[in-house]
Each structure stands twice: as structure tokens, then as C-alpha cells.
N, C-alpha and C. Protein backbone atom coordinates (compact mmCIF):
# COMPACT_ATOMS: atom_id res chain seq x y z
N MET A 1 -82.81 57.72 -113.30
CA MET A 1 -81.86 58.48 -114.08
C MET A 1 -82.53 59.57 -114.90
N LEU A 2 -83.69 59.22 -115.50
CA LEU A 2 -84.33 60.15 -116.41
C LEU A 2 -85.57 60.78 -115.83
N GLY A 3 -85.65 60.81 -114.53
CA GLY A 3 -86.79 61.49 -113.95
C GLY A 3 -86.60 62.99 -114.08
N PHE A 4 -87.14 63.59 -115.14
CA PHE A 4 -86.79 64.96 -115.48
C PHE A 4 -87.34 65.98 -114.51
N VAL A 5 -88.43 65.67 -113.81
CA VAL A 5 -89.04 66.67 -112.94
C VAL A 5 -88.07 67.10 -111.86
N GLY A 6 -87.79 68.41 -111.81
CA GLY A 6 -86.93 68.94 -110.77
C GLY A 6 -85.45 68.86 -111.06
N ASP A 7 -85.07 68.18 -112.16
CA ASP A 7 -83.65 68.08 -112.48
C ASP A 7 -83.09 69.45 -112.84
N LYS A 8 -81.79 69.61 -112.57
CA LYS A 8 -81.16 70.89 -112.86
C LYS A 8 -81.07 71.10 -114.37
N THR A 9 -81.02 72.35 -114.79
CA THR A 9 -80.91 72.69 -116.20
C THR A 9 -79.50 72.41 -116.68
N VAL A 10 -79.38 71.70 -117.80
CA VAL A 10 -78.08 71.43 -118.41
C VAL A 10 -78.09 72.09 -119.79
N ALA A 11 -77.46 73.24 -119.89
CA ALA A 11 -77.42 73.98 -121.15
C ALA A 11 -76.09 73.75 -121.85
N GLY A 12 -76.12 73.87 -123.17
CA GLY A 12 -74.89 73.78 -123.94
C GLY A 12 -74.37 72.38 -124.15
N ALA A 13 -75.18 71.35 -123.88
CA ALA A 13 -74.75 69.96 -124.07
C ALA A 13 -75.86 69.15 -124.73
N PRO A 14 -76.22 69.50 -125.97
CA PRO A 14 -77.32 68.81 -126.64
C PRO A 14 -76.93 67.37 -127.01
N TYR A 15 -77.93 66.49 -127.06
CA TYR A 15 -77.69 65.13 -127.51
C TYR A 15 -79.03 64.44 -127.77
N SER A 16 -78.96 63.30 -128.41
CA SER A 16 -80.11 62.41 -128.53
C SER A 16 -79.59 60.99 -128.36
N ALA A 17 -80.45 60.09 -127.90
CA ALA A 17 -80.00 58.72 -127.65
C ALA A 17 -81.20 57.80 -127.50
N GLN A 18 -80.93 56.53 -127.62
CA GLN A 18 -81.95 55.52 -127.30
C GLN A 18 -81.78 55.13 -125.84
N VAL A 19 -82.90 55.01 -125.14
CA VAL A 19 -82.88 54.62 -123.73
C VAL A 19 -83.51 53.24 -123.60
N THR A 20 -82.83 52.35 -122.90
CA THR A 20 -83.37 51.01 -122.65
C THR A 20 -83.59 50.83 -121.16
N PHE A 21 -84.82 50.48 -120.81
CA PHE A 21 -85.16 50.19 -119.42
C PHE A 21 -85.45 48.69 -119.31
N GLU A 22 -84.88 48.04 -118.29
CA GLU A 22 -85.14 46.61 -118.11
C GLU A 22 -85.25 46.29 -116.62
N HIS A 23 -86.24 45.45 -116.31
CA HIS A 23 -86.42 45.00 -114.92
C HIS A 23 -86.59 43.49 -114.93
N THR A 24 -85.77 42.82 -114.13
CA THR A 24 -85.87 41.36 -114.00
C THR A 24 -86.04 40.99 -112.54
N GLN A 25 -86.84 39.97 -112.32
CA GLN A 25 -87.08 39.50 -110.95
C GLN A 25 -87.34 38.01 -110.96
N THR A 26 -86.66 37.29 -110.09
CA THR A 26 -86.86 35.86 -109.95
C THR A 26 -87.77 35.60 -108.75
N LEU A 27 -88.89 34.95 -108.97
CA LEU A 27 -89.85 34.66 -107.91
C LEU A 27 -89.39 33.45 -107.09
N PRO A 28 -89.94 33.27 -105.87
CA PRO A 28 -89.52 32.15 -105.02
C PRO A 28 -89.68 30.78 -105.67
N ASP A 29 -90.64 30.65 -106.60
CA ASP A 29 -90.85 29.34 -107.25
C ASP A 29 -89.95 29.16 -108.47
N GLY A 30 -89.03 30.12 -108.70
CA GLY A 30 -88.11 30.01 -109.82
C GLY A 30 -88.60 30.71 -111.09
N ASN A 31 -89.83 31.17 -111.08
CA ASN A 31 -90.37 31.88 -112.25
C ASN A 31 -89.64 33.20 -112.44
N LEU A 32 -89.38 33.56 -113.70
CA LEU A 32 -88.63 34.77 -114.01
C LEU A 32 -89.53 35.80 -114.68
N ILE A 33 -89.51 37.02 -114.16
CA ILE A 33 -90.20 38.14 -114.80
C ILE A 33 -89.15 39.02 -115.45
N ASP A 34 -89.31 39.27 -116.74
CA ASP A 34 -88.35 40.10 -117.47
C ASP A 34 -89.13 41.12 -118.29
N GLN A 35 -89.05 42.39 -117.90
CA GLN A 35 -89.75 43.46 -118.58
C GLN A 35 -88.73 44.40 -119.21
N LYS A 36 -88.89 44.69 -120.50
CA LYS A 36 -87.94 45.54 -121.21
C LYS A 36 -88.68 46.55 -122.06
N ASN A 37 -88.20 47.77 -122.05
CA ASN A 37 -88.84 48.83 -122.81
C ASN A 37 -87.78 49.78 -123.33
N THR A 38 -88.04 50.38 -124.48
CA THR A 38 -87.10 51.34 -125.05
C THR A 38 -87.79 52.66 -125.33
N ALA A 39 -87.01 53.71 -125.39
CA ALA A 39 -87.52 55.05 -125.68
C ALA A 39 -86.41 55.82 -126.38
N VAL A 40 -86.76 57.02 -126.86
CA VAL A 40 -85.79 57.91 -127.46
C VAL A 40 -85.82 59.22 -126.68
N VAL A 41 -84.64 59.72 -126.32
CA VAL A 41 -84.55 60.96 -125.55
C VAL A 41 -83.78 62.00 -126.34
N TYR A 42 -84.23 63.26 -126.24
CA TYR A 42 -83.56 64.39 -126.87
C TYR A 42 -83.35 65.47 -125.82
N ARG A 43 -82.23 66.19 -125.94
CA ARG A 43 -82.02 67.39 -125.12
C ARG A 43 -81.35 68.44 -126.00
N ASP A 44 -81.89 69.66 -125.99
CA ASP A 44 -81.30 70.70 -126.83
C ASP A 44 -80.33 71.56 -126.04
N GLY A 45 -79.75 72.55 -126.71
CA GLY A 45 -78.75 73.39 -126.08
C GLY A 45 -79.28 74.26 -124.96
N GLN A 46 -80.62 74.45 -124.90
CA GLN A 46 -81.23 75.22 -123.82
C GLN A 46 -81.51 74.37 -122.59
N GLY A 47 -81.37 73.05 -122.74
CA GLY A 47 -81.66 72.15 -121.62
C GLY A 47 -83.05 71.55 -121.67
N ARG A 48 -83.81 71.84 -122.74
CA ARG A 48 -85.13 71.23 -122.87
C ARG A 48 -84.98 69.76 -123.23
N THR A 49 -85.90 68.91 -122.73
CA THR A 49 -85.82 67.48 -122.99
C THR A 49 -87.11 66.96 -123.57
N ARG A 50 -86.99 65.87 -124.33
CA ARG A 50 -88.14 65.19 -124.92
C ARG A 50 -87.89 63.69 -124.82
N LEU A 51 -88.87 62.96 -124.31
CA LEU A 51 -88.79 61.50 -124.19
C LEU A 51 -89.96 60.90 -124.95
N GLU A 52 -89.66 60.07 -125.95
CA GLU A 52 -90.68 59.39 -126.74
C GLU A 52 -90.68 57.92 -126.36
N GLU A 53 -91.82 57.45 -125.89
CA GLU A 53 -91.90 56.06 -125.43
C GLU A 53 -93.16 55.40 -125.97
N THR A 54 -93.04 54.14 -126.37
CA THR A 54 -94.19 53.36 -126.82
C THR A 54 -94.40 52.21 -125.86
N ARG A 55 -95.61 52.15 -125.30
CA ARG A 55 -95.95 51.10 -124.35
C ARG A 55 -97.17 50.33 -124.83
N THR A 56 -97.32 49.10 -124.33
CA THR A 56 -98.49 48.30 -124.62
C THR A 56 -99.59 48.66 -123.63
N SER A 57 -100.76 49.07 -124.14
CA SER A 57 -101.87 49.46 -123.28
C SER A 57 -102.63 48.22 -122.81
N ASN A 58 -103.65 48.44 -121.97
CA ASN A 58 -104.46 47.33 -121.47
C ASN A 58 -105.18 46.59 -122.60
N SER A 59 -105.44 47.29 -123.70
CA SER A 59 -106.12 46.67 -124.83
C SER A 59 -105.16 45.84 -125.68
N GLY A 60 -103.86 45.95 -125.38
CA GLY A 60 -102.86 45.21 -126.14
C GLY A 60 -102.29 45.99 -127.31
N ASN A 61 -102.84 47.18 -127.57
CA ASN A 61 -102.35 48.00 -128.68
C ASN A 61 -101.25 48.94 -128.20
N PRO A 62 -100.22 49.14 -129.02
CA PRO A 62 -99.14 50.07 -128.63
C PRO A 62 -99.67 51.48 -128.44
N GLN A 63 -99.16 52.17 -127.42
CA GLN A 63 -99.56 53.54 -127.13
C GLN A 63 -98.31 54.39 -126.98
N GLN A 64 -98.24 55.45 -127.77
CA GLN A 64 -97.08 56.34 -127.70
C GLN A 64 -97.35 57.48 -126.73
N ILE A 65 -96.39 57.74 -125.87
CA ILE A 65 -96.46 58.85 -124.93
C ILE A 65 -95.21 59.69 -125.11
N ILE A 66 -95.39 61.00 -125.21
CA ILE A 66 -94.27 61.92 -125.39
C ILE A 66 -94.24 62.88 -124.22
N ARG A 67 -93.09 63.00 -123.58
CA ARG A 67 -92.93 63.90 -122.44
C ARG A 67 -91.92 64.99 -122.80
N ILE A 68 -92.31 66.22 -122.65
CA ILE A 68 -91.45 67.36 -122.93
C ILE A 68 -91.29 68.18 -121.66
N THR A 69 -90.07 68.55 -121.33
CA THR A 69 -89.85 69.43 -120.18
C THR A 69 -89.02 70.63 -120.61
N ASP A 70 -89.37 71.79 -120.08
CA ASP A 70 -88.62 73.02 -120.31
C ASP A 70 -88.18 73.54 -118.96
N PRO A 71 -86.95 73.23 -118.53
CA PRO A 71 -86.49 73.63 -117.21
C PRO A 71 -86.28 75.13 -117.05
N VAL A 72 -86.25 75.84 -118.17
CA VAL A 72 -86.08 77.29 -118.10
C VAL A 72 -87.38 77.96 -117.70
N THR A 73 -88.48 77.59 -118.35
CA THR A 73 -89.80 78.16 -118.03
C THR A 73 -90.51 77.36 -116.94
N ARG A 74 -89.92 76.21 -116.53
CA ARG A 74 -90.48 75.33 -115.49
C ARG A 74 -91.85 74.81 -115.89
N VAL A 75 -91.98 74.38 -117.14
CA VAL A 75 -93.23 73.82 -117.66
C VAL A 75 -92.92 72.47 -118.30
N ALA A 76 -93.85 71.52 -118.15
CA ALA A 76 -93.70 70.21 -118.76
C ALA A 76 -95.01 69.84 -119.47
N TYR A 77 -94.89 68.99 -120.48
CA TYR A 77 -96.05 68.55 -121.24
C TYR A 77 -96.02 67.03 -121.38
N ILE A 78 -97.20 66.43 -121.35
CA ILE A 78 -97.37 65.03 -121.74
C ILE A 78 -98.29 65.03 -122.95
N LEU A 79 -97.76 64.56 -124.08
CA LEU A 79 -98.50 64.58 -125.34
C LEU A 79 -99.08 63.20 -125.63
N ASP A 80 -100.32 63.19 -126.10
CA ASP A 80 -100.97 61.96 -126.56
C ASP A 80 -101.22 62.12 -128.05
N PRO A 81 -100.37 61.54 -128.92
CA PRO A 81 -100.52 61.73 -130.35
C PRO A 81 -101.83 61.18 -130.91
N THR A 82 -102.40 60.16 -130.26
CA THR A 82 -103.65 59.59 -130.75
C THR A 82 -104.82 60.56 -130.54
N LYS A 83 -104.91 61.11 -129.33
CA LYS A 83 -105.99 62.04 -129.00
C LYS A 83 -105.65 63.48 -129.35
N LYS A 84 -104.38 63.71 -129.68
CA LYS A 84 -103.88 65.06 -129.98
C LYS A 84 -104.17 66.02 -128.83
N THR A 85 -103.78 65.58 -127.63
CA THR A 85 -103.92 66.42 -126.44
C THR A 85 -102.55 66.62 -125.80
N ALA A 86 -102.41 67.75 -125.10
CA ALA A 86 -101.16 68.05 -124.40
C ALA A 86 -101.51 68.51 -122.99
N HIS A 87 -101.19 67.69 -122.00
CA HIS A 87 -101.40 68.07 -120.60
C HIS A 87 -100.17 68.85 -120.14
N THR A 88 -100.39 70.05 -119.64
CA THR A 88 -99.27 70.89 -119.22
C THR A 88 -99.19 70.95 -117.70
N PHE A 89 -97.96 70.93 -117.18
CA PHE A 89 -97.71 70.92 -115.74
C PHE A 89 -96.69 71.99 -115.39
N THR A 90 -96.83 72.55 -114.19
CA THR A 90 -95.84 73.48 -113.67
C THR A 90 -94.81 72.69 -112.88
N LEU A 91 -93.55 72.84 -113.23
CA LEU A 91 -92.50 72.08 -112.57
C LEU A 91 -92.10 72.71 -111.24
N PRO A 92 -91.67 71.88 -110.28
CA PRO A 92 -91.16 72.40 -108.99
C PRO A 92 -89.80 73.04 -109.19
N PRO A 93 -89.28 73.73 -108.18
CA PRO A 93 -87.94 74.32 -108.28
C PRO A 93 -86.90 73.26 -108.60
N ALA A 94 -85.87 73.67 -109.31
CA ALA A 94 -84.81 72.75 -109.72
C ALA A 94 -84.04 72.23 -108.51
N LYS A 95 -83.56 70.99 -108.62
CA LYS A 95 -82.73 70.42 -107.57
C LYS A 95 -81.38 71.11 -107.56
N THR A 96 -80.75 71.10 -106.41
CA THR A 96 -79.42 71.71 -106.28
C THR A 96 -78.32 70.70 -106.52
N SER A 97 -78.66 69.42 -106.61
CA SER A 97 -77.66 68.38 -106.83
C SER A 97 -78.22 67.33 -107.76
N ARG A 98 -77.35 66.75 -108.59
CA ARG A 98 -77.77 65.68 -109.49
C ARG A 98 -77.90 64.36 -108.77
N ASP A 99 -77.36 64.27 -107.56
CA ASP A 99 -77.24 62.97 -106.91
C ASP A 99 -78.44 62.70 -106.02
N SER A 100 -79.39 61.89 -106.53
CA SER A 100 -80.58 61.56 -105.75
C SER A 100 -80.26 60.53 -104.67
N PHE A 101 -79.03 59.98 -104.67
CA PHE A 101 -78.64 58.99 -103.67
C PHE A 101 -77.70 59.61 -102.65
N HIS A 102 -77.81 60.92 -102.46
CA HIS A 102 -76.94 61.62 -101.51
C HIS A 102 -77.04 60.96 -100.13
N THR A 103 -75.90 60.66 -99.56
CA THR A 103 -75.89 59.89 -98.32
C THR A 103 -76.13 60.73 -97.08
N GLY A 104 -75.69 62.00 -97.09
CA GLY A 104 -75.85 62.83 -95.91
C GLY A 104 -75.16 62.17 -94.73
N SER A 105 -75.85 62.15 -93.58
CA SER A 105 -75.28 61.54 -92.39
C SER A 105 -75.91 60.19 -92.10
N ASN A 106 -76.58 59.60 -93.08
CA ASN A 106 -77.25 58.31 -92.91
C ASN A 106 -76.19 57.20 -92.81
N ALA A 107 -76.09 56.60 -91.64
CA ALA A 107 -75.09 55.55 -91.43
C ALA A 107 -75.41 54.29 -92.20
N ASN A 108 -76.66 54.16 -92.68
CA ASN A 108 -77.07 52.96 -93.41
C ASN A 108 -76.83 53.07 -94.91
N VAL A 109 -76.25 54.19 -95.35
CA VAL A 109 -75.97 54.40 -96.77
C VAL A 109 -74.48 54.68 -96.94
N THR A 110 -73.84 53.92 -97.83
CA THR A 110 -72.42 54.12 -98.11
C THR A 110 -72.22 54.29 -99.61
N ARG A 111 -71.10 54.94 -99.97
CA ARG A 111 -70.78 55.15 -101.37
C ARG A 111 -69.37 54.65 -101.66
N LEU A 112 -69.20 54.12 -102.86
CA LEU A 112 -67.90 53.61 -103.29
C LEU A 112 -67.58 54.19 -104.66
N ASP A 113 -66.39 54.78 -104.78
CA ASP A 113 -65.93 55.33 -106.06
C ASP A 113 -65.47 54.18 -106.95
N LEU A 114 -66.11 54.03 -108.12
CA LEU A 114 -65.76 52.96 -109.04
C LEU A 114 -64.73 53.39 -110.08
N GLY A 115 -64.28 54.63 -109.99
CA GLY A 115 -63.28 55.12 -110.94
C GLY A 115 -63.91 55.52 -112.26
N SER A 116 -63.09 55.59 -113.30
CA SER A 116 -63.56 56.00 -114.62
C SER A 116 -63.55 54.83 -115.59
N ASN A 117 -64.34 54.97 -116.66
CA ASN A 117 -64.46 53.90 -117.63
C ASN A 117 -65.01 54.50 -118.93
N THR A 118 -65.20 53.66 -119.93
CA THR A 118 -65.87 54.06 -121.16
C THR A 118 -67.10 53.17 -121.34
N VAL A 119 -68.28 53.79 -121.41
CA VAL A 119 -69.53 53.06 -121.58
C VAL A 119 -70.25 53.62 -122.79
N ASN A 120 -70.54 52.74 -123.75
CA ASN A 120 -71.24 53.13 -124.98
C ASN A 120 -70.57 54.32 -125.66
N GLY A 121 -69.23 54.30 -125.65
CA GLY A 121 -68.46 55.32 -126.34
C GLY A 121 -68.27 56.61 -125.57
N MET A 122 -68.73 56.69 -124.34
CA MET A 122 -68.62 57.91 -123.55
C MET A 122 -67.70 57.69 -122.35
N PHE A 123 -66.87 58.69 -122.05
CA PHE A 123 -66.08 58.66 -120.82
C PHE A 123 -67.01 58.87 -119.64
N VAL A 124 -66.95 57.99 -118.65
CA VAL A 124 -67.88 58.06 -117.52
C VAL A 124 -67.14 57.84 -116.20
N GLN A 125 -67.77 58.32 -115.13
CA GLN A 125 -67.26 58.13 -113.77
C GLN A 125 -68.29 57.32 -112.99
N GLY A 126 -67.81 56.29 -112.28
CA GLY A 126 -68.73 55.38 -111.61
C GLY A 126 -68.83 55.59 -110.10
N THR A 127 -70.03 55.39 -109.59
CA THR A 127 -70.27 55.43 -108.14
C THR A 127 -71.23 54.30 -107.79
N GLN A 128 -70.92 53.57 -106.73
CA GLN A 128 -71.84 52.55 -106.23
C GLN A 128 -72.37 52.98 -104.87
N THR A 129 -73.68 53.02 -104.76
CA THR A 129 -74.35 53.39 -103.51
C THR A 129 -75.00 52.14 -102.92
N THR A 130 -74.75 51.89 -101.64
CA THR A 130 -75.34 50.74 -100.97
C THR A 130 -76.18 51.23 -99.79
N ARG A 131 -77.45 50.87 -99.81
CA ARG A 131 -78.35 51.21 -98.70
C ARG A 131 -78.68 49.93 -97.94
N THR A 132 -78.44 49.93 -96.65
CA THR A 132 -78.68 48.74 -95.83
C THR A 132 -79.90 48.94 -94.95
N ILE A 133 -80.83 48.01 -95.04
CA ILE A 133 -81.99 47.99 -94.15
C ILE A 133 -81.62 47.07 -92.98
N PRO A 134 -81.45 47.62 -91.78
CA PRO A 134 -81.00 46.80 -90.64
C PRO A 134 -81.97 45.66 -90.33
N ALA A 135 -81.45 44.61 -89.77
CA ALA A 135 -82.28 43.47 -89.36
C ALA A 135 -83.35 43.94 -88.38
N GLY A 136 -84.56 43.47 -88.58
CA GLY A 136 -85.67 43.79 -87.70
C GLY A 136 -86.43 45.05 -88.06
N GLN A 137 -85.89 45.88 -88.95
CA GLN A 137 -86.56 47.15 -89.27
C GLN A 137 -87.90 46.94 -89.94
N MET A 138 -88.01 45.90 -90.78
CA MET A 138 -89.27 45.61 -91.45
C MET A 138 -89.62 44.13 -91.30
N GLY A 139 -89.22 43.57 -90.18
CA GLY A 139 -89.49 42.16 -89.92
C GLY A 139 -88.46 41.23 -90.53
N ASN A 140 -87.42 41.78 -91.14
CA ASN A 140 -86.37 40.96 -91.75
C ASN A 140 -85.42 40.42 -90.69
N THR A 141 -85.07 39.14 -90.80
CA THR A 141 -84.20 38.52 -89.81
C THR A 141 -82.73 38.86 -90.02
N ALA A 142 -82.38 39.30 -91.25
CA ALA A 142 -81.00 39.68 -91.56
C ALA A 142 -81.03 41.01 -92.32
N PRO A 143 -79.90 41.72 -92.32
CA PRO A 143 -79.86 42.99 -93.07
C PRO A 143 -80.13 42.77 -94.56
N ILE A 144 -80.76 43.77 -95.19
CA ILE A 144 -81.03 43.75 -96.62
C ILE A 144 -80.22 44.87 -97.27
N GLN A 145 -79.45 44.53 -98.28
CA GLN A 145 -78.63 45.53 -98.96
C GLN A 145 -79.15 45.80 -100.37
N ILE A 146 -79.35 47.07 -100.68
CA ILE A 146 -79.79 47.51 -102.00
C ILE A 146 -78.66 48.32 -102.61
N THR A 147 -78.15 47.89 -103.75
CA THR A 147 -77.00 48.56 -104.37
C THR A 147 -77.40 49.19 -105.70
N THR A 148 -76.84 50.36 -105.95
CA THR A 148 -77.05 51.05 -107.24
C THR A 148 -75.70 51.50 -107.78
N ALA A 149 -75.36 51.04 -108.98
CA ALA A 149 -74.15 51.46 -109.65
C ALA A 149 -74.53 52.45 -110.75
N ARG A 150 -73.87 53.61 -110.75
CA ARG A 150 -74.20 54.66 -111.71
C ARG A 150 -72.93 55.06 -112.45
N TRP A 151 -73.03 55.17 -113.78
CA TRP A 151 -71.91 55.62 -114.61
C TRP A 151 -72.32 56.94 -115.25
N TYR A 152 -71.66 58.01 -114.79
CA TYR A 152 -72.06 59.38 -115.10
C TYR A 152 -71.10 60.01 -116.11
N SER A 153 -71.67 60.67 -117.13
CA SER A 153 -70.87 61.37 -118.13
C SER A 153 -70.73 62.84 -117.76
N PRO A 154 -69.54 63.30 -117.37
CA PRO A 154 -69.35 64.73 -117.08
C PRO A 154 -69.59 65.60 -118.31
N GLU A 155 -69.31 65.05 -119.49
CA GLU A 155 -69.46 65.81 -120.73
C GLU A 155 -70.93 66.14 -121.01
N LEU A 156 -71.82 65.18 -120.75
CA LEU A 156 -73.25 65.38 -121.00
C LEU A 156 -74.03 65.73 -119.74
N SER A 157 -73.40 65.58 -118.58
CA SER A 157 -74.09 65.77 -117.29
C SER A 157 -75.33 64.87 -117.21
N VAL A 158 -75.14 63.59 -117.50
CA VAL A 158 -76.23 62.63 -117.46
C VAL A 158 -75.66 61.25 -117.15
N ASP A 159 -76.45 60.40 -116.53
CA ASP A 159 -76.06 59.02 -116.29
C ASP A 159 -76.20 58.23 -117.59
N VAL A 160 -75.13 57.61 -118.04
CA VAL A 160 -75.17 56.79 -119.24
C VAL A 160 -75.68 55.39 -118.92
N SER A 161 -75.45 54.94 -117.70
CA SER A 161 -75.89 53.61 -117.30
C SER A 161 -76.13 53.56 -115.79
N THR A 162 -77.20 52.90 -115.38
CA THR A 162 -77.45 52.65 -113.96
C THR A 162 -77.95 51.22 -113.79
N GLU A 163 -77.61 50.63 -112.66
CA GLU A 163 -78.09 49.28 -112.34
C GLU A 163 -78.38 49.20 -110.85
N THR A 164 -79.60 48.86 -110.50
CA THR A 164 -80.02 48.72 -109.11
C THR A 164 -80.38 47.27 -108.83
N ASN A 165 -79.77 46.71 -107.79
CA ASN A 165 -80.08 45.35 -107.35
C ASN A 165 -80.74 45.42 -105.98
N ASP A 166 -81.99 44.98 -105.94
CA ASP A 166 -82.78 45.01 -104.72
C ASP A 166 -83.33 43.61 -104.47
N PRO A 167 -82.92 42.95 -103.38
CA PRO A 167 -83.40 41.60 -103.10
C PRO A 167 -84.92 41.49 -103.04
N GLN A 168 -85.59 42.61 -102.72
CA GLN A 168 -87.05 42.58 -102.62
C GLN A 168 -87.74 42.69 -103.98
N HIS A 169 -87.12 43.44 -104.91
CA HIS A 169 -87.80 43.76 -106.16
C HIS A 169 -87.04 43.36 -107.42
N GLY A 170 -85.86 42.78 -107.28
CA GLY A 170 -85.12 42.35 -108.44
C GLY A 170 -84.12 43.38 -108.94
N LYS A 171 -83.73 43.25 -110.21
CA LYS A 171 -82.72 44.13 -110.80
C LYS A 171 -83.35 45.04 -111.85
N SER A 172 -82.98 46.33 -111.78
CA SER A 172 -83.46 47.32 -112.75
C SER A 172 -82.25 48.00 -113.38
N THR A 173 -82.26 48.11 -114.71
CA THR A 173 -81.16 48.77 -115.41
C THR A 173 -81.71 49.81 -116.38
N THR A 174 -80.94 50.85 -116.58
CA THR A 174 -81.24 51.88 -117.57
C THR A 174 -79.93 52.22 -118.29
N SER A 175 -79.99 52.29 -119.61
CA SER A 175 -78.76 52.60 -120.35
C SER A 175 -79.07 53.46 -121.58
N LEU A 176 -78.12 54.33 -121.91
CA LEU A 176 -78.20 55.16 -123.11
C LEU A 176 -77.29 54.56 -124.18
N THR A 177 -77.82 54.40 -125.40
CA THR A 177 -77.03 53.91 -126.52
C THR A 177 -77.31 54.78 -127.74
N ASN A 178 -76.52 54.58 -128.80
CA ASN A 178 -76.67 55.36 -130.04
C ASN A 178 -76.69 56.86 -129.74
N ILE A 179 -75.76 57.31 -128.93
CA ILE A 179 -75.70 58.70 -128.51
C ILE A 179 -75.19 59.58 -129.65
N SER A 180 -75.95 60.65 -129.95
CA SER A 180 -75.55 61.62 -130.96
C SER A 180 -75.44 62.99 -130.30
N ARG A 181 -74.38 63.73 -130.64
CA ARG A 181 -74.14 65.02 -130.01
C ARG A 181 -74.73 66.20 -130.79
N GLY A 182 -75.46 65.96 -131.84
CA GLY A 182 -76.03 67.05 -132.64
C GLY A 182 -77.17 67.76 -131.93
N GLU A 183 -77.48 68.97 -132.38
CA GLU A 183 -78.59 69.76 -131.83
C GLU A 183 -79.91 69.26 -132.43
N PRO A 184 -80.84 68.79 -131.59
CA PRO A 184 -82.14 68.34 -132.10
C PRO A 184 -82.95 69.50 -132.67
N ALA A 185 -83.90 69.19 -133.54
CA ALA A 185 -84.76 70.21 -134.12
C ALA A 185 -85.59 70.88 -133.03
N SER A 186 -85.74 72.20 -133.10
CA SER A 186 -86.46 72.94 -132.06
C SER A 186 -87.93 72.55 -131.98
N THR A 187 -88.50 72.07 -133.10
CA THR A 187 -89.92 71.69 -133.11
C THR A 187 -90.21 70.48 -132.21
N LEU A 188 -89.18 69.71 -131.88
CA LEU A 188 -89.38 68.56 -131.01
C LEU A 188 -89.81 68.96 -129.61
N PHE A 189 -89.54 70.21 -129.23
CA PHE A 189 -89.83 70.66 -127.87
C PHE A 189 -91.02 71.62 -127.82
N GLU A 190 -91.81 71.60 -128.88
CA GLU A 190 -93.00 72.45 -128.96
C GLU A 190 -94.25 71.60 -129.09
N VAL A 191 -95.37 72.11 -128.57
CA VAL A 191 -96.66 71.43 -128.71
C VAL A 191 -97.20 71.73 -130.11
N PRO A 192 -97.55 70.71 -130.90
CA PRO A 192 -98.10 70.96 -132.24
C PRO A 192 -99.33 71.86 -132.18
N SER A 193 -99.50 72.67 -133.20
CA SER A 193 -100.58 73.67 -133.21
C SER A 193 -101.97 73.05 -133.23
N ASP A 194 -102.10 71.79 -133.69
CA ASP A 194 -103.42 71.16 -133.75
C ASP A 194 -103.75 70.35 -132.50
N TYR A 195 -102.94 70.48 -131.44
CA TYR A 195 -103.21 69.77 -130.19
C TYR A 195 -104.06 70.63 -129.26
N THR A 196 -104.89 69.98 -128.45
CA THR A 196 -105.66 70.66 -127.42
C THR A 196 -104.84 70.65 -126.13
N VAL A 197 -104.59 71.84 -125.56
CA VAL A 197 -103.77 71.96 -124.36
C VAL A 197 -104.66 71.97 -123.13
N VAL A 198 -104.35 71.09 -122.17
CA VAL A 198 -105.10 70.97 -120.92
C VAL A 198 -104.18 71.32 -119.76
N ASN A 199 -104.53 72.33 -118.99
CA ASN A 199 -103.72 72.74 -117.84
C ASN A 199 -103.98 71.80 -116.68
N SER A 200 -102.95 71.05 -116.27
CA SER A 200 -103.12 70.05 -115.21
C SER A 200 -102.49 70.47 -113.89
N GLY A 201 -102.04 71.73 -113.77
CA GLY A 201 -101.56 72.25 -112.49
C GLY A 201 -100.13 71.85 -112.19
N PRO A 202 -99.73 71.89 -110.91
CA PRO A 202 -98.36 71.56 -110.51
C PRO A 202 -98.04 70.10 -110.79
N ALA A 203 -96.78 69.82 -111.12
CA ALA A 203 -96.37 68.46 -111.42
C ALA A 203 -96.33 67.61 -110.16
N GLY A 204 -96.06 68.21 -109.00
CA GLY A 204 -96.01 67.45 -107.75
C GLY A 204 -94.94 66.36 -107.83
N ARG A 205 -95.34 65.13 -107.54
CA ARG A 205 -94.40 64.01 -107.52
C ARG A 205 -94.40 63.24 -108.83
N LEU A 206 -94.95 63.85 -109.88
CA LEU A 206 -95.01 63.18 -111.18
C LEU A 206 -93.60 62.89 -111.68
N HIS A 207 -93.39 61.67 -112.16
CA HIS A 207 -92.09 61.27 -112.71
C HIS A 207 -92.21 61.14 -114.22
N PHE A 208 -91.23 61.68 -114.92
CA PHE A 208 -91.29 61.73 -116.36
C PHE A 208 -90.44 60.65 -117.01
N ALA A 209 -90.22 59.55 -116.31
CA ALA A 209 -89.55 58.44 -116.93
C ALA A 209 -89.98 57.18 -116.20
N PRO A 210 -89.96 56.02 -116.88
CA PRO A 210 -90.35 54.78 -116.25
C PRO A 210 -89.37 54.40 -115.16
């Protein structure tokens, strides 16, 4: 949902919100893996975005990572507040469609209109995409179905909630809460003057969200 690289520019719809990412998986022995993480996302009226996330590093200490994208200038930054460095990337051309689950003529992918609803105080439109891996394609004796339900806000041009169920990898959910429609401060989308800027070239397949 929040993979900002290549996303189309959304101007005139500023907001900020808390983002919750969760992945759960039940292992064959009954053991449960439950991983949950939160972040804060901002988007201004120009379409610039900022994602602030705190993760636990290998040393066990929390590490903050800040991702800024400017779809107008096609530049992105990854900020490290501890080292005060900013890695800059050139973004690829913008996508022509918001729907990364576009079915095209793939007979193994179907879509279902879930209608409209209200999620976290926002009017949303739902779509469920089902991708079927035919029996025998990867050694599976029966078809495998992977479903993704997305609730999209036309007002913000963003997914407010997504849920993917994959028998191979478990369930992954992403949701926006505490949504505010105010214009974020412009300084949130700028590299601080005391940071060292490192040019890291094209973004390529880099994803700016977990």
C-alpha cells in the first residue's frame, strides 16, 4: 500500500496518519509468529510524502528510519537521524495506475467488488483480488489461492486498509488510523541542514515501506 517508489503524484489532498503493519503466520507445528510495527506517514498538498518508522536493530536497540519522497522532482531520501546522513535516490517514472493488482488478461487472477464502507472514519471502496496458483505449477497437489482485500479512499487517493491472506506466508495487514486532514509542516519534507547527503543513484526496485 505504501510503497511510494513510482506511485502517482497526489496533489491537493494532504493528510497525516499512523500506519500499522502486522504479519501473522502459523507454522505446521502450531507455533505462531506475530510481527507488528507502527509508523507515521505525512503527505503535503504537493504530493510529497514522509514515513517515520522505528525498528529494532540487530543489537536490540530501536533504530529510526525516515523516508521522504518528492514525486514532483522524482527524488527520494532515506534519513538516518543517528548518523545524520541522507541517502538520495532518483525515482523511476510514475505509475499510470494505482492498482498494483491489475488483472489484465491473466485467467488466474480475479477481482470482486466489495462495495463501499466506512473504515477508520473514512468513506472507502473495497476490492478483493484473488490470485490462483494452479495445481502442479510449483509442485502443489491442489490450487493455492492468495487473496487481497483493499479498502480505498477516493478522497485521499490512498488505501486505508489492506489484508493479504497467503497460505504459504500467512496474513499481512496494513491500516491507517488517527487520520488528520491538515497540511503538514513543509520542513518535514526537507533534509536538515546538518545532515550529510550521499547520492545513491537510481532507486531501482527499492521499496519505501515495510
